[in-house]
C-alpha atoms as a PDB file:
ATOM      1  CA  MET A   1     -21.083 -27.425  25.809  1.00  0.00           C
ATOM      2  CA  ASN A   2     -17.682 -27.120  24.209  1.00  0.00           C
ATOM      3  CA  PRO A   3     -17.304 -29.273  21.089  1.00  0.00           C
ATOM      4  CA  THR A   4     -13.840 -30.337  20.018  1.00  0.00           C
ATOM      5  CA  PRO A   5     -12.999 -31.131  16.484  1.00  0.00           C
ATOM      6  CA  GLU A   6     -12.435 -34.767  15.696  1.00  0.00           C
ATOM      7  CA  ALA A   7     -11.243 -36.200  12.444  1.00  0.00           C
ATOM      8  CA  PRO A   8     -13.646 -38.634  10.821  1.00  0.00           C
ATOM      9  CA  PRO A   9     -12.704 -42.323  10.250  1.00  0.00           C
ATOM     10  CA  GLY A  10     -10.253 -42.686   7.391  1.00  0.00           C
ATOM     11  CA  ALA A  11      -8.788 -39.113   7.759  1.00  0.00           C
ATOM     12  CA  GLN A  12      -5.396 -40.556   8.376  1.00  0.00           C
ATOM     13  CA  LEU A  13      -5.270 -41.867   4.689  1.00  0.00           C
ATOM     14  CA  PHE A  14      -6.348 -38.426   3.401  1.00  0.00           C
ATOM     15  CA  GLU A  15      -3.554 -36.735   5.392  1.00  0.00           C
ATOM     16  CA  THR A  16      -1.016 -39.263   4.051  1.00  0.00           C
ATOM     17  CA  ILE A  17      -2.104 -38.625   0.475  1.00  0.00           C
ATOM     18  CA  ILE A  18      -1.819 -34.824   1.024  1.00  0.00           C
ATOM     19  CA  ASN A  19       1.647 -35.251   2.477  1.00  0.00           C
ATOM     20  CA  TRP A  20       2.792 -37.344  -0.506  1.00  0.00           C
ATOM     21  CA  VAL A  21       1.387 -34.775  -2.918  1.00  0.00           C
ATOM     22  CA  MET A  22       3.033 -31.904  -1.162  1.00  0.00           C
ATOM     23  CA  TRP A  23       6.377 -33.862  -1.078  1.00  0.00           C
ATOM     24  CA  GLY A  24       6.043 -34.495  -4.797  1.00  0.00           C
ATOM     25  CA  ALA A  25       5.261 -30.834  -5.497  1.00  0.00           C
ATOM     26  CA  VAL A  26       8.377 -29.656  -3.567  1.00  0.00           C
ATOM     27  CA  ALA A  27      10.491 -32.308  -5.385  1.00  0.00           C
ATOM     28  CA  MET A  28       9.234 -31.174  -8.758  1.00  0.00           C
ATOM     29  CA  GLY A  29       9.746 -27.547  -7.792  1.00  0.00           C
ATOM     30  CA  SER A  30      13.332 -28.234  -6.761  1.00  0.00           C
ATOM     31  CA  PHE A  31      13.837 -29.962 -10.098  1.00  0.00           C
ATOM     32  CA  GLY A  32      12.319 -26.995 -11.808  1.00  0.00           C
ATOM     33  CA  LEU A  33      14.690 -24.582 -10.097  1.00  0.00           C
ATOM     34  CA  ILE A  34      17.666 -26.684 -11.284  1.00  0.00           C
ATOM     35  CA  VAL A  35      16.367 -26.659 -14.822  1.00  0.00           C
ATOM     36  CA  ALA A  36      15.719 -22.925 -14.733  1.00  0.00           C
ATOM     37  CA  VAL A  37      19.255 -22.196 -13.514  1.00  0.00           C
ATOM     38  CA  ILE A  38      20.613 -24.359 -16.330  1.00  0.00           C
ATOM     39  CA  LEU A  39      18.378 -22.444 -18.795  1.00  0.00           C
ATOM     40  CA  ILE A  40      19.763 -19.163 -17.438  1.00  0.00           C
ATOM     41  CA  PHE A  41      23.465 -20.310 -17.827  1.00  0.00           C
ATOM     42  CA  ALA A  42      22.785 -21.756 -21.256  1.00  0.00           C
ATOM     43  CA  GLY A  43      20.944 -18.515 -22.261  1.00  0.00           C
ATOM     44  CA  VAL A  44      23.853 -16.448 -21.279  1.00  0.00           C
ATOM     45  CA  LEU A  45      26.009 -18.282 -23.761  1.00  0.00           C
ATOM     46  CA  ASP A  46      23.300 -17.878 -26.534  1.00  0.00           C
ATOM     47  CA  GLY A  47      22.181 -14.442 -25.510  1.00  0.00           C
ATOM     48  CA  ARG A  48      18.685 -15.667 -24.538  1.00  0.00           C
ATOM     49  CA  SER A  49      18.888 -15.590 -20.767  1.00  0.00           C
ATOM     50  CA  SER A  50      15.364 -14.012 -20.460  1.00  0.00           C
ATOM     51  CA  GLN A  51      13.793 -17.405 -21.034  1.00  0.00           C
ATOM     52  CA  GLY A  52      15.641 -18.868 -18.128  1.00  0.00           C
ATOM     53  CA  VAL A  53      14.934 -15.962 -15.899  1.00  0.00           C
ATOM     54  CA  ARG A  54      11.291 -16.165 -16.725  1.00  0.00           C
ATOM     55  CA  ALA A  55      11.192 -19.916 -15.992  1.00  0.00           C
ATOM     56  CA  PHE A  56      13.014 -19.191 -12.680  1.00  0.00           C
ATOM     57  CA  LEU A  57      10.379 -16.625 -11.696  1.00  0.00           C
ATOM     58  CA  VAL A  58       7.518 -18.928 -12.572  1.00  0.00           C
ATOM     59  CA  VAL A  59       9.008 -21.841 -10.583  1.00  0.00           C
ATOM     60  CA  CYS A  60       9.665 -19.539  -7.623  1.00  0.00           C
ATOM     61  CA  ALA A  61       6.079 -18.258  -7.691  1.00  0.00           C
ATOM     62  CA  GLY A  62       4.798 -21.861  -7.860  1.00  0.00           C
ATOM     63  CA  LEU A  63       6.879 -22.842  -4.829  1.00  0.00           C
ATOM     64  CA  VAL A  64       5.555 -19.833  -2.863  1.00  0.00           C
ATOM     65  CA  LEU A  65       2.073 -20.876  -3.698  1.00  0.00           C
ATOM     66  CA  ILE A  66       2.834 -24.460  -2.581  1.00  0.00           C
ATOM     67  CA  GLY A  67       4.204 -23.093   0.691  1.00  0.00           C
ATOM     68  CA  VAL A  68       1.032 -20.963   1.261  1.00  0.00           C
ATOM     69  CA  VAL A  69      -1.221 -23.893   0.528  1.00  0.00           C
ATOM     70  CA  GLY A  70       0.836 -26.091   2.842  1.00  0.00           C
ATOM     71  CA  GLN A  71       0.455 -23.623   5.658  1.00  0.00           C
ATOM     72  CA  ILE A  72      -3.286 -23.396   5.111  1.00  0.00           C
ATOM     73  CA  ILE A  73      -3.655 -27.200   5.059  1.00  0.00           C
ATOM     74  CA  SER A  74      -1.590 -27.676   8.213  1.00  0.00           C
ATOM     75  CA  THR A  75      -3.659 -24.958   9.927  1.00  0.00           C
ATOM     76  CA  LEU A  76      -6.871 -26.706   9.053  1.00  0.00           C
ATOM     77  CA  THR A  77      -5.681 -30.231   9.992  1.00  0.00           C
END
């Protein structure tokens, strides 16, 4: 006997919600990158560019984590 995985009833709604959440996370990450770059340029003028660089690194790390989670979810579904 060779069982094949089959999604339970209602799984399509769950996948749609996950897709929307991932889209929102990527959209917010893109917005975060724009804000971080603005902080870097504003910080250069004020001499405080380290705050912008730190924000940029945090946003990039978050986007990497979102990408990893996305790959894990698409592997499982």
